[in-house]
Amino acid sequence: MEAVMNTFGVFASYWPRRLKTQATWRLMKLAGTSGEWHRWATTAVLNWRVQVDNNTIPVFQIHGDRDTTFPIRYVNADSVIHGGGHVLPITHSREVADKICRIAA
C-alpha cells in the first residue's frame, strides 16, 4: 500500500496546479517518508481509543459533517455538528461546548 501511495503522490506532484483538488494535495502530503507521520496520525484519529491500565475508555466523538480532512463517511461520530469543518472547536465553539456539557452532566 505504501508503495502505491508513494507512486501516486509523486505522479500527482507533477500535475498542473490548476488541476489539483483537495484530494490530490492530501495524497501528496501522505506520500513518501515525509508522510509517515501524517499516515500514522490519520490512522490514530480514525481508530481513536484511550487505554488506561489495560482498560479501554470510551471516547465521545463530536464531528463536523463538512470536515474534508476526516470526511464524515470514515468516522463513527457520536454526535455530528451540521456545517462543521475540521476546526470545529473554533468555528462552532458554542455547539461543541453545549455537547460537552451534556455529556459531562
N, C-alpha and C. Protein backbone atom coordinates (compact mmCIF):
# COMPACT_ATOMS: atom_id res chain seq x y z
N MET A 1 0.83 -1.20 0.00
CA MET A 1 0.00 0.00 0.00
C MET A 1 0.87 1.25 0.00
N GLU A 2 1.94 1.23 0.80
CA GLU A 2 2.78 2.41 0.89
C GLU A 2 3.44 2.72 -0.45
N ALA A 3 3.87 1.68 -1.19
CA ALA A 3 4.50 1.89 -2.49
C ALA A 3 3.51 2.51 -3.47
N VAL A 4 2.27 2.06 -3.42
CA VAL A 4 1.24 2.62 -4.30
C VAL A 4 1.00 4.08 -3.96
N MET A 5 0.91 4.38 -2.66
CA MET A 5 0.70 5.76 -2.23
C MET A 5 1.85 6.66 -2.69
N ASN A 6 3.07 6.16 -2.52
CA ASN A 6 4.24 6.94 -2.93
C ASN A 6 4.22 7.21 -4.43
N THR A 7 3.88 6.19 -5.22
CA THR A 7 3.83 6.34 -6.67
C THR A 7 2.79 7.39 -7.07
N PHE A 8 1.60 7.28 -6.50
CA PHE A 8 0.55 8.26 -6.82
C PHE A 8 0.93 9.65 -6.33
N GLY A 9 1.56 9.73 -5.17
CA GLY A 9 1.98 11.02 -4.64
C GLY A 9 2.99 11.71 -5.53
N VAL A 10 3.97 10.95 -6.03
CA VAL A 10 4.97 11.51 -6.95
C VAL A 10 4.30 11.93 -8.25
N PHE A 11 3.45 11.07 -8.78
CA PHE A 11 2.73 11.37 -10.02
C PHE A 11 1.90 12.65 -9.86
N ALA A 12 1.19 12.76 -8.74
CA ALA A 12 0.32 13.92 -8.51
C ALA A 12 1.12 15.21 -8.38
N SER A 13 2.35 15.11 -7.89
CA SER A 13 3.14 16.33 -7.72
C SER A 13 3.50 16.98 -9.06
N TYR A 14 3.42 16.22 -10.15
CA TYR A 14 3.71 16.77 -11.48
C TYR A 14 2.48 17.36 -12.17
N TRP A 15 1.30 17.21 -11.58
CA TRP A 15 0.09 17.76 -12.19
C TRP A 15 0.14 19.28 -12.13
N PRO A 16 -0.43 19.93 -13.12
CA PRO A 16 -0.50 21.40 -13.05
C PRO A 16 -1.35 21.84 -11.84
N ARG A 17 -0.97 22.91 -11.23
CA ARG A 17 -1.64 23.41 -10.02
C ARG A 17 -3.15 23.56 -10.23
N ARG A 18 -3.57 24.01 -11.39
CA ARG A 18 -4.99 24.25 -11.64
C ARG A 18 -5.81 22.96 -11.67
N LEU A 19 -5.17 21.80 -11.84
CA LEU A 19 -5.88 20.52 -11.88
C LEU A 19 -5.92 19.81 -10.53
N LYS A 20 -5.16 20.33 -9.58
CA LYS A 20 -5.08 19.66 -8.28
C LYS A 20 -6.31 19.95 -7.43
N THR A 21 -6.88 18.89 -6.87
CA THR A 21 -8.02 19.02 -5.97
C THR A 21 -7.52 18.88 -4.54
N GLN A 22 -8.41 19.01 -3.57
CA GLN A 22 -8.03 18.79 -2.17
C GLN A 22 -7.51 17.37 -1.98
N ALA A 23 -8.12 16.42 -2.67
CA ALA A 23 -7.68 15.03 -2.56
C ALA A 23 -6.27 14.87 -3.11
N THR A 24 -5.95 15.56 -4.19
CA THR A 24 -4.61 15.48 -4.77
C THR A 24 -3.58 16.04 -3.80
N TRP A 25 -3.87 17.19 -3.20
CA TRP A 25 -2.95 17.79 -2.23
C TRP A 25 -2.76 16.87 -1.03
N ARG A 26 -3.86 16.25 -0.57
CA ARG A 26 -3.77 15.34 0.57
C ARG A 26 -2.91 14.13 0.24
N LEU A 27 -3.08 13.59 -0.96
CA LEU A 27 -2.29 12.44 -1.39
C LEU A 27 -0.81 12.79 -1.44
N MET A 28 -0.48 13.97 -1.93
CA MET A 28 0.92 14.40 -1.98
C MET A 28 1.49 14.53 -0.57
N LYS A 29 0.67 15.01 0.37
CA LYS A 29 1.11 15.16 1.76
C LYS A 29 1.37 13.79 2.40
N LEU A 30 0.54 12.81 2.07
CA LEU A 30 0.65 11.49 2.69
C LEU A 30 1.72 10.61 2.04
N ALA A 31 2.20 10.98 0.87
CA ALA A 31 3.15 10.15 0.14
C ALA A 31 4.57 10.32 0.69
N GLY A 32 5.39 9.30 0.49
CA GLY A 32 6.81 9.36 0.83
C GLY A 32 7.10 9.28 2.31
N THR A 33 8.38 9.33 2.65
CA THR A 33 8.77 9.22 4.05
C THR A 33 8.32 10.43 4.85
N SER A 34 8.20 11.58 4.20
CA SER A 34 7.73 12.77 4.92
C SER A 34 6.27 12.62 5.34
N GLY A 35 5.56 11.69 4.69
CA GLY A 35 4.15 11.47 5.02
C GLY A 35 3.92 10.42 6.08
N GLU A 36 4.99 9.81 6.60
CA GLU A 36 4.82 8.76 7.61
C GLU A 36 4.02 9.25 8.81
N TRP A 37 4.36 10.43 9.33
CA TRP A 37 3.64 10.94 10.50
C TRP A 37 2.18 11.20 10.16
N HIS A 38 1.92 11.77 8.98
CA HIS A 38 0.54 12.05 8.58
C HIS A 38 -0.27 10.76 8.45
N ARG A 39 0.34 9.72 7.90
CA ARG A 39 -0.36 8.44 7.78
C ARG A 39 -0.65 7.85 9.16
N TRP A 40 0.34 7.92 10.06
CA TRP A 40 0.13 7.42 11.42
C TRP A 40 -0.97 8.22 12.11
N ALA A 41 -0.90 9.55 12.01
CA ALA A 41 -1.87 10.41 12.70
C ALA A 41 -3.29 10.17 12.18
N THR A 42 -3.43 10.03 10.87
CA THR A 42 -4.74 9.79 10.28
C THR A 42 -5.32 8.48 10.80
N THR A 43 -4.51 7.44 10.80
CA THR A 43 -4.96 6.14 11.31
C THR A 43 -5.31 6.23 12.79
N ALA A 44 -4.48 6.92 13.57
CA ALA A 44 -4.71 7.04 15.01
C ALA A 44 -6.02 7.76 15.31
N VAL A 45 -6.29 8.83 14.59
CA VAL A 45 -7.52 9.59 14.84
C VAL A 45 -8.75 8.80 14.42
N LEU A 46 -8.68 8.13 13.27
CA LEU A 46 -9.84 7.38 12.80
C LEU A 46 -10.12 6.14 13.65
N ASN A 47 -9.12 5.65 14.37
CA ASN A 47 -9.30 4.49 15.25
C ASN A 47 -9.05 4.87 16.70
N TRP A 48 -9.48 6.04 17.09
CA TRP A 48 -9.18 6.61 18.39
C TRP A 48 -9.67 5.73 19.53
N ARG A 49 -8.74 5.36 20.40
CA ARG A 49 -9.04 4.60 21.62
C ARG A 49 -8.15 5.13 22.73
N VAL A 50 -8.65 5.18 23.92
CA VAL A 50 -7.86 5.61 25.06
C VAL A 50 -7.68 4.42 25.98
N GLN A 51 -6.44 4.08 26.27
CA GLN A 51 -6.12 2.95 27.14
C GLN A 51 -5.55 3.48 28.46
N VAL A 52 -6.12 3.04 29.57
CA VAL A 52 -5.59 3.35 30.89
C VAL A 52 -5.60 2.06 31.69
N ASP A 53 -4.42 1.64 32.12
CA ASP A 53 -4.30 0.40 32.91
C ASP A 53 -5.01 -0.77 32.24
N ASN A 54 -4.75 -0.96 30.96
CA ASN A 54 -5.34 -2.06 30.17
C ASN A 54 -6.85 -1.99 30.03
N ASN A 55 -7.44 -0.86 30.32
CA ASN A 55 -8.88 -0.66 30.13
C ASN A 55 -9.09 0.35 29.01
N THR A 56 -10.01 0.05 28.13
CA THR A 56 -10.35 1.00 27.07
C THR A 56 -11.42 1.94 27.58
N ILE A 57 -11.15 3.22 27.51
CA ILE A 57 -12.09 4.24 27.97
C ILE A 57 -12.85 4.74 26.75
N PRO A 58 -14.17 4.81 26.84
CA PRO A 58 -14.94 5.28 25.68
C PRO A 58 -14.58 6.72 25.31
N VAL A 59 -14.54 6.97 24.03
CA VAL A 59 -14.28 8.30 23.50
C VAL A 59 -15.56 8.77 22.84
N PHE A 60 -16.04 9.94 23.23
CA PHE A 60 -17.23 10.52 22.62
C PHE A 60 -16.75 11.46 21.52
N GLN A 61 -17.04 11.11 20.30
CA GLN A 61 -16.52 11.86 19.18
C GLN A 61 -17.57 12.82 18.61
N ILE A 62 -17.22 14.11 18.62
CA ILE A 62 -18.04 15.16 18.04
C ILE A 62 -17.37 15.52 16.72
N HIS A 63 -18.14 15.48 15.64
CA HIS A 63 -17.53 15.65 14.33
C HIS A 63 -18.40 16.55 13.45
N GLY A 64 -17.76 17.34 12.61
CA GLY A 64 -18.48 18.18 11.67
C GLY A 64 -18.77 17.44 10.38
N ASP A 65 -19.94 17.66 9.82
CA ASP A 65 -20.31 16.94 8.61
C ASP A 65 -19.65 17.51 7.34
N ARG A 66 -18.91 18.60 7.48
CA ARG A 66 -18.20 19.17 6.33
C ARG A 66 -16.68 19.13 6.51
N ASP A 67 -16.21 18.23 7.34
CA ASP A 67 -14.77 18.07 7.56
C ASP A 67 -14.17 17.37 6.35
N THR A 68 -13.30 18.06 5.61
CA THR A 68 -12.68 17.45 4.43
C THR A 68 -11.39 16.72 4.79
N THR A 69 -10.82 17.00 5.95
CA THR A 69 -9.62 16.29 6.38
C THR A 69 -9.96 14.88 6.82
N PHE A 70 -11.01 14.75 7.61
CA PHE A 70 -11.53 13.45 8.03
C PHE A 70 -13.00 13.40 7.63
N PRO A 71 -13.29 13.05 6.38
CA PRO A 71 -14.68 13.04 5.92
C PRO A 71 -15.58 12.19 6.81
N ILE A 72 -16.78 12.65 7.02
CA ILE A 72 -17.73 12.02 7.94
C ILE A 72 -17.99 10.55 7.59
N ARG A 73 -17.86 10.19 6.32
CA ARG A 73 -18.13 8.79 5.94
C ARG A 73 -17.10 7.81 6.50
N TYR A 74 -15.94 8.32 6.95
CA TYR A 74 -14.91 7.45 7.51
C TYR A 74 -14.89 7.46 9.04
N VAL A 75 -15.80 8.19 9.64
CA VAL A 75 -15.78 8.39 11.08
C VAL A 75 -17.06 7.83 11.70
N ASN A 76 -16.93 7.25 12.87
CA ASN A 76 -18.11 6.81 13.63
C ASN A 76 -18.39 7.83 14.72
N ALA A 77 -18.89 8.97 14.31
CA ALA A 77 -19.12 10.06 15.26
C ALA A 77 -20.32 9.77 16.15
N ASP A 78 -20.18 10.13 17.42
CA ASP A 78 -21.29 10.00 18.36
C ASP A 78 -22.26 11.17 18.21
N SER A 79 -21.72 12.30 17.76
CA SER A 79 -22.54 13.49 17.58
C SER A 79 -21.99 14.26 16.37
N VAL A 80 -22.89 14.71 15.53
CA VAL A 80 -22.49 15.43 14.32
C VAL A 80 -23.00 16.86 14.39
N ILE A 81 -22.10 17.80 14.09
CA ILE A 81 -22.49 19.21 14.03
C ILE A 81 -22.59 19.58 12.56
N HIS A 82 -23.79 19.95 12.15
CA HIS A 82 -24.05 20.27 10.75
C HIS A 82 -23.36 21.57 10.36
N GLY A 83 -22.66 21.51 9.23
CA GLY A 83 -21.93 22.68 8.74
C GLY A 83 -20.55 22.81 9.32
N GLY A 84 -20.16 21.91 10.22
CA GLY A 84 -18.86 21.98 10.87
C GLY A 84 -17.77 21.35 10.04
N GLY A 85 -16.63 22.01 10.00
CA GLY A 85 -15.47 21.50 9.27
C GLY A 85 -14.41 20.96 10.20
N HIS A 86 -13.16 21.04 9.79
CA HIS A 86 -12.06 20.43 10.54
C HIS A 86 -11.70 21.21 11.81
N VAL A 87 -11.91 22.49 11.83
CA VAL A 87 -11.58 23.30 13.01
C VAL A 87 -12.84 23.58 13.82
N LEU A 88 -13.58 22.55 14.05
CA LEU A 88 -14.89 22.61 14.70
C LEU A 88 -14.90 23.41 16.01
N PRO A 89 -13.94 23.22 16.92
CA PRO A 89 -13.98 23.99 18.17
C PRO A 89 -13.82 25.50 17.97
N ILE A 90 -13.24 25.89 16.86
CA ILE A 90 -13.06 27.33 16.58
C ILE A 90 -14.30 27.89 15.90
N THR A 91 -14.81 27.17 14.91
CA THR A 91 -15.92 27.71 14.12
C THR A 91 -17.29 27.47 14.74
N HIS A 92 -17.41 26.46 15.58
CA HIS A 92 -18.70 26.11 16.18
C HIS A 92 -18.52 25.87 17.68
N SER A 93 -17.84 26.79 18.33
CA SER A 93 -17.47 26.61 19.74
C SER A 93 -18.68 26.46 20.66
N ARG A 94 -19.74 27.20 20.41
CA ARG A 94 -20.93 27.12 21.26
C ARG A 94 -21.56 25.72 21.18
N GLU A 95 -21.69 25.20 19.95
CA GLU A 95 -22.28 23.87 19.78
C GLU A 95 -21.42 22.79 20.43
N VAL A 96 -20.09 22.89 20.25
CA VAL A 96 -19.18 21.92 20.85
C VAL A 96 -19.27 21.99 22.37
N ALA A 97 -19.25 23.18 22.92
CA ALA A 97 -19.34 23.35 24.37
C ALA A 97 -20.66 22.79 24.92
N ASP A 98 -21.76 23.05 24.22
CA ASP A 98 -23.07 22.52 24.64
C ASP A 98 -23.06 21.00 24.68
N LYS A 99 -22.49 20.38 23.65
CA LYS A 99 -22.45 18.91 23.60
C LYS A 99 -21.57 18.36 24.71
N ILE A 100 -20.44 19.00 24.98
CA ILE A 100 -19.56 18.54 26.07
C ILE A 100 -20.25 18.68 27.42
N CYS A 101 -20.97 19.78 27.62
CA CYS A 101 -21.71 19.97 28.88
C CYS A 101 -22.78 18.89 29.06
N ARG A 102 -23.46 18.54 27.98
CA ARG A 102 -24.48 17.48 28.07
C ARG A 102 -23.87 16.13 28.39
N ILE A 103 -22.69 15.86 27.83
CA ILE A 103 -22.00 14.59 28.10
C ILE A 103 -21.54 14.53 29.55
N ALA A 104 -21.01 15.64 30.03
CA ALA A 104 -20.44 15.68 31.39
C ALA A 104 -21.50 15.70 32.47
N ALA A 105 -22.71 16.08 32.12
CA ALA A 105 -23.77 16.22 33.14
C ALA A 105 -24.26 14.87 33.61
